[in-house]
Structure formats: structure tokens, C-alpha cells
Amino acid sequence: MVSFTRTTGWWKNAKRAGRFCLLLNISILFALFYCSTSASGQSKRYEFTKGVMGSPFRLVYYADDDSLAAEAARYAFARLDTLNEIMSDYRDGSEINRLSATSGSGAWIRVSDALFDILALSKRISRRTNGAFDVTVGPAVQLWRRAMRRNTFPTDKEIAGAQRAVGYRFVKLCRRNQSVRLTRPNMRLDLGGIGKGYAAEVALKVLREFGIKSSMLDAGGDLTLGDPPPGKSGWDVEINSGDLRSGIPRSGVPITDSLATIVSLTKAGIATSGATYRYLEHEGVRYSHIVNPKTGVGLRFHVRTTVVALNGTLADALATALSVAGIKKGKKIIRRFPGVKVWLIETKAGEKLEWKNF
């Protein structure tokens, strides 16, 4: 087990007792469980789980009574459903797909508060990561999704065609009118690398409107944390590096060896990105489902990246960006994000490299 020293105000020494494990046993059904009030009069602990955005979203929080807890969960999940209708590129009628359909038209399209907000955040992160993170990567992602379904490698012409529509600079924003213009034809926005983290933040904000501050949300393995549980200094989280030899993370298996680290966090986001079992093999080379926005091609090396940041949105986006950038470029990128913690393992040509800054 790796031990920690305190490096920032929100990065605290871990305690094994009562730890909260990142590899959660998650039910896909909407359910409610609660613990009885403790002798000290602390709030009850509640858990609600529902499938959202293709992943189980698991809310854990502390509230004073059952009715308040249930009402807060109902509003939080309703907001998540609304965000899914806005941001999902899998839904034909979603707001983001309707916006993508206007690309190249020259029109300014007024969008919802949420869509404008996440696009503005995305552009800012894209600039600071030199385009390693880019929500305009949709045409290339669509190309690789189709290639993996058909097990057929894309042609150079197809890749070049997709790349002409990729580039965060082609997204123009007008704050005064809350409008967006997509300047290149055939653009397709894809929020898959940032949407879950953003949605998790919004859900915890809904809980705070109900006076609930001790909360966390697990979005399919990515965590967004609010205030700690009553009587605790943080949420104890176990970070698993995954089994790089097989390329498959050991999901659901208790981790007790050096491949795991326990940290205590509060008001933070933690996200993991990596190529596991989703890849396309061509001429002896494995290409990841993670697409490099600059090349339009899936990554040709195995990578697993875990990021801890001050919020879920940033953690989600940087996990994607640093997976694309790799260790060498990632070390330069991370200088622009003070306080962010990274654990990145990449395997190239059989050689395993590791970067860990905590």
C-alpha cells in the first residue's frame, strides 16, 4: 500500500478504516437504503442509484429525514435526465445533436444555459491542453465506433475527411446572446470526455439546494465529492491502477497490493480513463477507442490515467486529455493546472512507463 503525505488543503492522509472504495458494487436499479441515526445524532446515510448517460449514477449523502432525502434524490436525478437530453450524442433529438446539425451554416444558435456553460468550459480546457481534449472530436469518434463494429480499419480518405471537421477553434461562443456557431461543415460535438463529471457536479449542486452538503456521486467509477461524511475529514477512496499486463482493470476485485492507493478527499473530483477491452486490431497493432483529436486515429499504446482535481468536470476532461497526451506531453500540460494529481501508466512496445505526482 502506498502511503501519502499531505500536499494540498484537500489532499489528506488516508486511513484504511471505513474506506470508501472506488471499485463500487453498483446496482443499475433505482434503490433507497438508509442507516439509522447514530448515537451522536448525526444525519442518516442514504444511497440512491439510477442508470443515466449509459452508466450507473450512485448518489451517497447524509440528510436529516427520509422525505427530504427522497425528494432531493428525485430532483437530482430529474436534473441528470434533463442534462442527458441536452448533451447526449447518442440521442437523435438531443440539443447537442441539433446544434451539430447546423455546423457550416454560418448561423448563430441560441443554446441552453447548461450547453453553453459546458462548451465554454470545454474550450478553456482545450486551449490549456493544446487540443489534447477537444469536444469537436465527434466525427473521428463516430468513424472509429463504426470501424470497431465492423472490424474494418478506416481508410486514409475517411480519416482525413473526419479530421477536417475537428478543431475546438471552429466553435465560436457569444456570451451576450448565449449563442454558438460551428464554422466548419460536418462538425459533431461529443461531450463523452467531460459530460459525466459536469453532470455529477450539477447533481451535487441540486443536493446543496436542499441543504445537503455531505455528499458524493459515483458516475460509473468516476467520483465527485462534496463535504465529507459527518465526523469524518474526507471520503476515503481507493484508486486502482488496473492490471496492465492483461489490459483489463480488475473491477470488483478487492485491491490490497501495491497497485492500489487510498486517499482521503473532500470537495474534489476523481476520474479514470483508459483503453481496456475496447480496441481495433489492424496489421498487428491495437488501436484504442480513445481517439487523438489531432490525428483522428485511436491511440496506439495502452494507457490508464487517473486524475484528482478540484471538481468532477476538470477531473473528467483531464483524464481524457492526459490519456491522449501521454506521459511526456502530459507533464507539460499539468503545469497549467496547479494542485491536480495524476497517476498515469502507459505501455508502449511492451515497455511499461509510470507517472505519479502524489
Foldseek 3Di string as FASTA:
>chain_A
DDWDPDDDPFWHTFDPPPADELLDPDDQDFDWDWDDQDPVRFFIWIWTWHDAPNWIKIKIFGDHDDVLVVVLVVVLVVLRNLLCQAAPPVDCNHVQNVQLQCAQVPDWAADDPVVLVLLVVQLVLCVLLVNLFFQQLVQLLVVVVVCLVVLHDDDPVSLVVSLQQTDSVQWDADPVRNIIYRNHHPTHGHCPLFSVQSSQVVSQVSVVVSVIFQMWMNTRSKIWAGQHGPPDRFRKYKDAQADVVQQARPRPDDDDDPRIDIIGGHQKIKDKDWFGPAWRDDPNFTFGSLARSVRSTGDRKTKMKMKIANGSRVRSRLNSSCRSLDDPSNVVSCVVGPPMWMWMWIADPNDIDIDTDD
